[in-house]
């Protein structure tokens, strides 16, 4: 017949499971904190130049040479 498991063995198993789950939880927390530290912004605000923007038209001149012809003729 089967024997009943003693109370001390049951407690050891419970402690072992709690210790293992605690170690796993702590490892996950350390991993998340480490990853979040790497994902922070690495550029300081002082390194960014900020200026005012004026509204107006943009004019661009392109110098080229050659023959100009339309894409399609009717």
PDB file of N, CA and C in Angstrom:
ATOM      1  N   UNK A   1       0.829  -1.179   0.000  1.00  0.00           N
ATOM      2  CA  UNK A   1       0.000   0.000   0.000  1.00  0.00           C
ATOM      3  C   UNK A   1       0.877   1.248   0.000  1.00  0.00           C
ATOM      4  N   UNK A   2       0.270   2.340  -0.372  1.00  0.00           N
ATOM      5  CA  UNK A   2       0.978   3.623  -0.381  1.00  0.00           C
ATOM      6  C   UNK A   2       1.033   4.197   1.025  1.00  0.00           C
ATOM      7  N   UNK A   3       2.139   4.919   1.266  1.00  0.00           N
ATOM      8  CA  UNK A   3       2.269   5.578   2.554  1.00  0.00           C
ATOM      9  C   UNK A   3       1.972   7.061   2.390  1.00  0.00           C
ATOM     10  N   UNK A   4       1.546   7.676   3.442  1.00  0.00           N
ATOM     11  CA  UNK A   4       1.263   9.102   3.419  1.00  0.00           C
ATOM     12  C   UNK A   4       2.592   9.865   3.450  1.00  0.00           C
ATOM     13  N   UNK A   5       2.656  10.935   2.669  1.00  0.00           N
ATOM     14  CA  UNK A   5       3.869  11.747   2.627  1.00  0.00           C
ATOM     15  C   UNK A   5       3.930  12.569   3.907  1.00  0.00           C
ATOM     16  N   UNK A   6       5.113  12.573   4.510  1.00  0.00           N
ATOM     17  CA  UNK A   6       5.247  13.277   5.780  1.00  0.00           C
ATOM     18  C   UNK A   6       5.118  14.788   5.599  1.00  0.00           C
ATOM     19  N   UNK A   7       4.779  15.458   6.662  1.00  0.00           N
ATOM     20  CA  UNK A   7       4.561  16.897   6.637  1.00  0.00           C
ATOM     21  C   UNK A   7       5.854  17.649   6.318  1.00  0.00           C
ATOM     22  N   UNK A   8       6.979  17.169   6.789  1.00  0.00           N
ATOM     23  CA  UNK A   8       8.259  17.847   6.512  1.00  0.00           C
ATOM     24  C   UNK A   8       8.618  17.768   5.026  1.00  0.00           C
ATOM     25  N   UNK A   9       8.320  16.653   4.383  1.00  0.00           N
ATOM     26  CA  UNK A   9       8.590  16.514   2.948  1.00  0.00           C
ATOM     27  C   UNK A   9       7.673  17.450   2.156  1.00  0.00           C
ATOM     28  N   UNK A  10       6.409  17.548   2.580  1.00  0.00           N
ATOM     29  CA  UNK A  10       5.475  18.458   1.907  1.00  0.00           C
ATOM     30  C   UNK A  10       5.949  19.901   2.025  1.00  0.00           C
ATOM     31  N   UNK A  11       6.412  20.286   3.209  1.00  0.00           N
ATOM     32  CA  UNK A  11       6.893  21.651   3.414  1.00  0.00           C
ATOM     33  C   UNK A  11       8.135  21.938   2.573  1.00  0.00           C
ATOM     34  N   UNK A  12       9.033  20.958   2.467  1.00  0.00           N
ATOM     35  CA  UNK A  12      10.233  21.137   1.653  1.00  0.00           C
ATOM     36  C   UNK A  12       9.855  21.355   0.186  1.00  0.00           C
ATOM     37  N   UNK A  13       8.882  20.599  -0.294  1.00  0.00           N
ATOM     38  CA  UNK A  13       8.436  20.751  -1.683  1.00  0.00           C
ATOM     39  C   UNK A  13       7.801  22.126  -1.909  1.00  0.00           C
ATOM     40  N   UNK A  14       7.009  22.571  -0.953  1.00  0.00           N
ATOM     41  CA  UNK A  14       6.369  23.888  -1.077  1.00  0.00           C
ATOM     42  C   UNK A  14       7.426  24.983  -1.065  1.00  0.00           C
ATOM     43  N   UNK A  15       8.399  24.880  -0.152  1.00  0.00           N
ATOM     44  CA  UNK A  15       9.484  25.870  -0.092  1.00  0.00           C
ATOM     45  C   UNK A  15      10.277  25.897  -1.396  1.00  0.00           C
ATOM     46  N   UNK A  16      10.531  24.705  -1.928  1.00  0.00           N
ATOM     47  CA  UNK A  16      11.292  24.613  -3.176  1.00  0.00           C
ATOM     48  C   UNK A  16      10.529  25.271  -4.323  1.00  0.00           C
ATOM     49  N   UNK A  17       9.215  25.048  -4.406  1.00  0.00           N
ATOM     50  CA  UNK A  17       8.407  25.668  -5.459  1.00  0.00           C
ATOM     51  C   UNK A  17       8.352  27.178  -5.290  1.00  0.00           C
ATOM     52  N   UNK A  18       8.185  27.647  -4.048  1.00  0.00           N
ATOM     53  CA  UNK A  18       8.144  29.087  -3.798  1.00  0.00           C
ATOM     54  C   UNK A  18       9.480  29.746  -4.129  1.00  0.00           C
ATOM     55  N   UNK A  19      10.568  29.096  -3.751  1.00  0.00           N
ATOM     56  CA  UNK A  19      11.893  29.631  -4.048  1.00  0.00           C
ATOM     57  C   UNK A  19      12.131  29.695  -5.554  1.00  0.00           C
ATOM     58  N   UNK A  20      11.747  28.661  -6.264  1.00  0.00           N
ATOM     59  CA  UNK A  20      11.920  28.624  -7.715  1.00  0.00           C
ATOM     60  C   UNK A  20      11.076  29.701  -8.390  1.00  0.00           C
ATOM     61  N   UNK A  21       9.823  29.845  -7.981  1.00  0.00           N
ATOM     62  CA  UNK A  21       8.972  30.871  -8.594  1.00  0.00           C
ATOM     63  C   UNK A  21       9.474  32.270  -8.234  1.00  0.00           C
ATOM     64  N   UNK A  22      10.015  32.453  -7.038  1.00  0.00           N
ATOM     65  CA  UNK A  22      10.587  33.740  -6.660  1.00  0.00           C
ATOM     66  C   UNK A  22      11.801  34.085  -7.498  1.00  0.00           C
ATOM     67  N   UNK A  23      12.657  33.109  -7.729  1.00  0.00           N
ATOM     68  CA  UNK A  23      13.849  33.333  -8.560  1.00  0.00           C
ATOM     69  C   UNK A  23      13.440  33.667  -9.993  1.00  0.00           C
ATOM     70  N   UNK A  24      12.453  32.966 -10.512  1.00  0.00           N
ATOM     71  CA  UNK A  24      11.981  33.244 -11.873  1.00  0.00           C
ATOM     72  C   UNK A  24      11.362  34.640 -11.944  1.00  0.00           C
ATOM     73  N   UNK A  25      10.549  34.996 -10.960  1.00  0.00           N
ATOM     74  CA  UNK A  25       9.939  36.328 -10.939  1.00  0.00           C
ATOM     75  C   UNK A  25      10.975  37.433 -10.846  1.00  0.00           C
ATOM     76  N   UNK A  26      11.971  37.245  -9.990  1.00  0.00           N
ATOM     77  CA  UNK A  26      13.044  38.219  -9.848  1.00  0.00           C
ATOM     78  C   UNK A  26      13.844  38.345 -11.149  1.00  0.00           C
ATOM     79  N   UNK A  27      14.101  37.233 -11.796  1.00  0.00           N
ATOM     80  CA  UNK A  27      14.836  37.258 -13.070  1.00  0.00           C
ATOM     81  C   UNK A  27      14.050  38.023 -14.129  1.00  0.00           C
ATOM     82  N   UNK A  28      12.744  37.819 -14.180  1.00  0.00           N
ATOM     83  CA  UNK A  28      11.910  38.536 -15.153  1.00  0.00           C
ATOM     84  C   UNK A  28      11.920  40.031 -14.858  1.00  0.00           C
ATOM     85  N   UNK A  29      11.831  40.404 -13.583  1.00  0.00           N
ATOM     86  CA  UNK A  29      11.859  41.826 -13.217  1.00  0.00           C
ATOM     87  C   UNK A  29      13.183  42.465 -13.597  1.00  0.00           C
ATOM     88  N   UNK A  30      14.284  41.793 -13.342  1.00  0.00           N
ATOM     89  CA  UNK A  30      15.605  42.315 -13.693  1.00  0.00           C
ATOM     90  C   UNK A  30      15.726  42.467 -15.214  1.00  0.00           C
ATOM     91  N   UNK A  31      15.214  41.503 -15.955  1.00  0.00           N
ATOM     92  CA  UNK A  31      15.252  41.555 -17.414  1.00  0.00           C
ATOM     93  C   UNK A  31      14.456  42.754 -17.939  1.00  0.00           C
ATOM     94  N   UNK A  32      13.251  42.957 -17.408  1.00  0.00           N
ATOM     95  CA  UNK A  32      12.410  44.067 -17.855  1.00  0.00           C
ATOM     96  C   UNK A  32      13.059  45.407 -17.522  1.00  0.00           C
ATOM     97  N   UNK A  33      13.619  45.546 -16.334  1.00  0.00           N
ATOM     98  CA  UNK A  33      14.279  46.790 -15.949  1.00  0.00           C
ATOM     99  C   UNK A  33      15.494  47.057 -16.833  1.00  0.00           C
ATOM    100  N   UNK A  34      16.263  46.031 -17.120  1.00  0.00           N
ATOM    101  CA  UNK A  34      17.441  46.188 -17.978  1.00  0.00           C
ATOM    102  C   UNK A  34      17.045  46.613 -19.384  1.00  0.00           C
ATOM    103  N   UNK A  35      16.034  45.976 -19.939  1.00  0.00           N
ATOM    104  CA  UNK A  35      15.569  46.331 -21.287  1.00  0.00           C
ATOM    105  C   UNK A  35      15.029  47.757 -21.305  1.00  0.00           C
ATOM    106  N   UNK A  36      14.286  48.153 -20.279  1.00  0.00           N
ATOM    107  CA  UNK A  36      13.738  49.506 -20.254  1.00  0.00           C
ATOM    108  C   UNK A  36      14.847  50.551 -20.150  1.00  0.00           C
ATOM    109  N   UNK A  37      15.954  50.230 -19.491  1.00  0.00           N
ATOM    110  CA  UNK A  37      17.077  51.159 -19.417  1.00  0.00           C
ATOM    111  C   UNK A  37      17.738  51.344 -20.786  1.00  0.00           C
ATOM    112  N   UNK A  38      17.798  50.285 -21.578  1.00  0.00           N
ATOM    113  CA  UNK A  38      18.389  50.376 -22.908  1.00  0.00           C
ATOM    114  C   UNK A  38      17.486  51.120 -23.880  1.00  0.00           C
ATOM    115  N   UNK A  39      16.187  51.126 -23.639  1.00  0.00           N
ATOM    116  CA  UNK A  39      15.236  51.732 -24.566  1.00  0.00           C
ATOM    117  C   UNK A  39      14.977  53.209 -24.255  1.00  0.00           C
ATOM    118  N   UNK A  40      15.614  53.766 -23.251  1.00  0.00           N
ATOM    119  CA  UNK A  40      15.440  55.182 -22.937  1.00  0.00           C
ATOM    120  C   UNK A  40      16.100  56.032 -24.013  1.00  0.00           C
ATOM    121  N   UNK A  41      15.646  57.302 -24.099  1.00  0.00           N
ATOM    122  CA  UNK A  41      16.241  58.229 -25.049  1.00  0.00           C
ATOM    123  C   UNK A  41      17.691  58.487 -24.660  1.00  0.00           C
ATOM    124  N   UNK A  42      18.548  58.452 -25.650  1.00  0.00           N
ATOM    125  CA  UNK A  42      19.971  58.634 -25.363  1.00  0.00           C
ATOM    126  C   UNK A  42      20.477  60.012 -25.778  1.00  0.00           C
ATOM    127  N   UNK A  43      19.612  60.862 -26.356  1.00  0.00           N
ATOM    128  CA  UNK A  43      20.017  62.197 -26.773  1.00  0.00           C
ATOM    129  C   UNK A  43      19.513  63.190 -25.736  1.00  0.00           C
ATOM    130  N   UNK A  44      20.410  64.022 -25.269  1.00  0.00           N
ATOM    131  CA  UNK A  44      19.992  65.028 -24.298  1.00  0.00           C
ATOM    132  C   UNK A  44      19.307  66.177 -25.020  1.00  0.00           C
ATOM    133  N   UNK A  45      18.471  66.904 -24.306  1.00  0.00           N
ATOM    134  CA  UNK A  45      17.742  68.011 -24.899  1.00  0.00           C
ATOM    135  C   UNK A  45      18.677  69.146 -25.294  1.00  0.00           C
ATOM    136  N   UNK A  46      19.797  69.287 -24.633  1.00  0.00           N
ATOM    137  CA  UNK A  46      20.767  70.333 -24.958  1.00  0.00           C
ATOM    138  C   UNK A  46      21.439  70.079 -26.308  1.00  0.00           C
ATOM    139  N   UNK A  47      21.483  68.853 -26.759  1.00  0.00           N
ATOM    140  CA  UNK A  47      22.124  68.523 -28.028  1.00  0.00           C
ATOM    141  C   UNK A  47      21.218  68.802 -29.228  1.00  0.00           C
ATOM    142  N   UNK A  48      19.955  69.135 -28.988  1.00  0.00           N
ATOM    143  CA  UNK A  48      19.003  69.372 -30.065  1.00  0.00           C
ATOM    144  C   UNK A  48      18.883  70.873 -30.302  1.00  0.00           C
ATOM    145  N   UNK A  49      19.029  71.293 -31.560  1.00  0.00           N
ATOM    146  CA  UNK A  49      18.867  72.711 -31.912  1.00  0.00           C
ATOM    147  C   UNK A  49      17.405  72.979 -32.217  1.00  0.00           C
ATOM    148  N   UNK A  50      16.862  74.013 -31.585  1.00  0.00           N
ATOM    149  CA  UNK A  50      15.463  74.381 -31.793  1.00  0.00           C
ATOM    150  C   UNK A  50      15.443  75.805 -32.322  1.00  0.00           C
ATOM    151  N   UNK A  51      14.659  76.047 -33.363  1.00  0.00           N
ATOM    152  CA  UNK A  51      14.583  77.379 -33.954  1.00  0.00           C
ATOM    153  C   UNK A  51      13.172  77.690 -34.395  1.00  0.00           C
ATOM    154  N   UNK A  52      12.973  78.944 -34.826  1.00  0.00           N
ATOM    155  CA  UNK A  52      11.663  79.377 -35.305  1.00  0.00           C
ATOM    156  C   UNK A  52      11.527  79.055 -36.785  1.00  0.00           C
ATOM    157  N   UNK A  53      10.292  78.826 -37.194  1.00  0.00           N
ATOM    158  CA  UNK A  53       9.996  78.498 -38.584  1.00  0.00           C
ATOM    159  C   UNK A  53       9.205  79.642 -39.184  1.00  0.00           C
ATOM    160  N   UNK A  54       9.625  80.112 -40.357  1.00  0.00           N
ATOM    161  CA  UNK A  54       8.902  81.161 -41.074  1.00  0.00           C
ATOM    162  C   UNK A  54       8.124  80.524 -42.208  1.00  0.00           C
ATOM    163  N   UNK A  55       6.903  81.033 -42.424  1.00  0.00           N
ATOM    164  CA  UNK A  55       6.098  80.546 -43.546  1.00  0.00           C
ATOM    165  C   UNK A  55       6.444  81.344 -44.791  1.00  0.00           C
ATOM    166  N   UNK A  56       6.474  80.679 -45.915  1.00  0.00           N
ATOM    167  CA  UNK A  56       6.771  81.357 -47.173  1.00  0.00           C
ATOM    168  C   UNK A  56       6.886  80.345 -48.292  1.00  0.00           C
ATOM    169  N   UNK A  57       7.036  80.832 -49.466  1.00  0.00           N
ATOM    170  CA  UNK A  57       7.155  79.927 -50.610  1.00  0.00           C
ATOM    171  C   UNK A  57       8.593  79.446 -50.747  1.00  0.00           C
ATOM    172  N   UNK A  58       8.730  78.289 -51.317  1.00  0.00           N
ATOM    173  CA  UNK A  58      10.045  77.704 -51.545  1.00  0.00           C
ATOM    174  C   UNK A  58      10.329  77.778 -53.039  1.00  0.00           C
ATOM    175  N   UNK A  59      11.421  78.394 -53.404  1.00  0.00           N
ATOM    176  CA  UNK A  59      11.801  78.506 -54.802  1.00  0.00           C
ATOM    177  C   UNK A  59      13.095  77.747 -55.028  1.00  0.00           C
ATOM    178  N   UNK A  60      13.050  76.889 -56.029  1.00  0.00           N
ATOM    179  CA  UNK A  60      14.215  76.075 -56.345  1.00  0.00           C
ATOM    180  C   UNK A  60      14.540  76.273 -57.821  1.00  0.00           C
ATOM    181  N   UNK A  61      15.777  76.517 -58.116  1.00  0.00           N
ATOM    182  CA  UNK A  61      16.234  76.657 -59.491  1.00  0.00           C
ATOM    183  C   UNK A  61      17.165  75.498 -59.811  1.00  0.00           C
ATOM    184  N   UNK A  62      16.878  74.855 -60.937  1.00  0.00           N
ATOM    185  CA  UNK A  62      17.698  73.715 -61.349  1.00  0.00           C
ATOM    186  C   UNK A  62      18.372  74.083 -62.669  1.00  0.00           C
ATOM    187  N   UNK A  63      19.657  73.953 -62.728  1.00  0.00           N
ATOM    188  CA  UNK A  63      20.406  74.215 -63.964  1.00  0.00           C
ATOM    189  C   UNK A  63      20.612  72.887 -64.685  1.00  0.00           C
ATOM    190  N   UNK A  64      20.206  72.862 -65.961  1.00  0.00           N
ATOM    191  CA  UNK A  64      20.365  71.639 -66.743  1.00  0.00           C
ATOM    192  C   UNK A  64      20.526  72.013 -68.205  1.00  0.00           C
ATOM    193  N   UNK A  65      20.992  71.082 -68.988  1.00  0.00           N
ATOM    194  CA  UNK A  65      21.098  71.304 -70.426  1.00  0.00           C
ATOM    195  C   UNK A  65      20.628  70.045 -71.131  1.00  0.00           C
ATOM    196  N   UNK A  66      20.094  70.208 -72.333  1.00  0.00           N
ATOM    197  CA  UNK A  66      19.612  69.067 -73.088  1.00  0.00           C
ATOM    198  C   UNK A  66      18.356  69.427 -73.844  1.00  0.00           C
ATOM    199  N   UNK A  67      17.715  68.431 -74.397  1.00  0.00           N
ATOM    200  CA  UNK A  67      16.505  68.650 -75.179  1.00  0.00           C
ATOM    201  C   UNK A  67      15.306  68.280 -74.324  1.00  0.00           C
ATOM    202  N   UNK A  68      14.308  69.157 -74.326  1.00  0.00           N
ATOM    203  CA  UNK A  68      13.098  68.929 -73.545  1.00  0.00           C
ATOM    204  C   UNK A  68      11.992  68.552 -74.493  1.00  0.00           C
ATOM    205  N   UNK A  69      11.282  67.439 -74.189  1.00  0.00           N
ATOM    206  CA  UNK A  69      10.156  67.026 -75.023  1.00  0.00           C
ATOM    207  C   UNK A  69       9.063  66.473 -74.122  1.00  0.00           C
ATOM    208  N   UNK A  70       7.813  66.612 -74.542  1.00  0.00           N
ATOM    209  CA  UNK A  70       6.704  66.102 -73.712  1.00  0.00           C
ATOM    210  C   UNK A  70       6.704  64.584 -73.672  1.00  0.00           C
ATOM    211  N   UNK A  71       6.091  64.059 -72.657  1.00  0.00           N
ATOM    212  CA  UNK A  71       6.031  62.606 -72.494  1.00  0.00           C
ATOM    213  C   UNK A  71       5.091  61.993 -73.523  1.00  0.00           C
ATOM    214  N   UNK A  72       3.941  62.640 -73.761  1.00  0.00           N
ATOM    215  CA  UNK A  72       2.974  62.133 -74.743  1.00  0.00           C
ATOM    216  C   UNK A  72       2.568  63.263 -75.670  1.00  0.00           C
ATOM    217  N   UNK A  73       2.319  62.949 -76.926  1.00  0.00           N
ATOM    218  CA  UNK A  73       1.843  63.948 -77.901  1.00  0.00           C
ATOM    219  C   UNK A  73       0.502  63.496 -78.433  1.00  0.00           C
ATOM    220  N   UNK A  74      -0.386  64.477 -78.694  1.00  0.00           N
ATOM    221  CA  UNK A  74      -1.696  64.143 -79.248  1.00  0.00           C
ATOM    222  C   UNK A  74      -1.779  64.620 -80.682  1.00  0.00           C
TER     223      UNK A  74
END
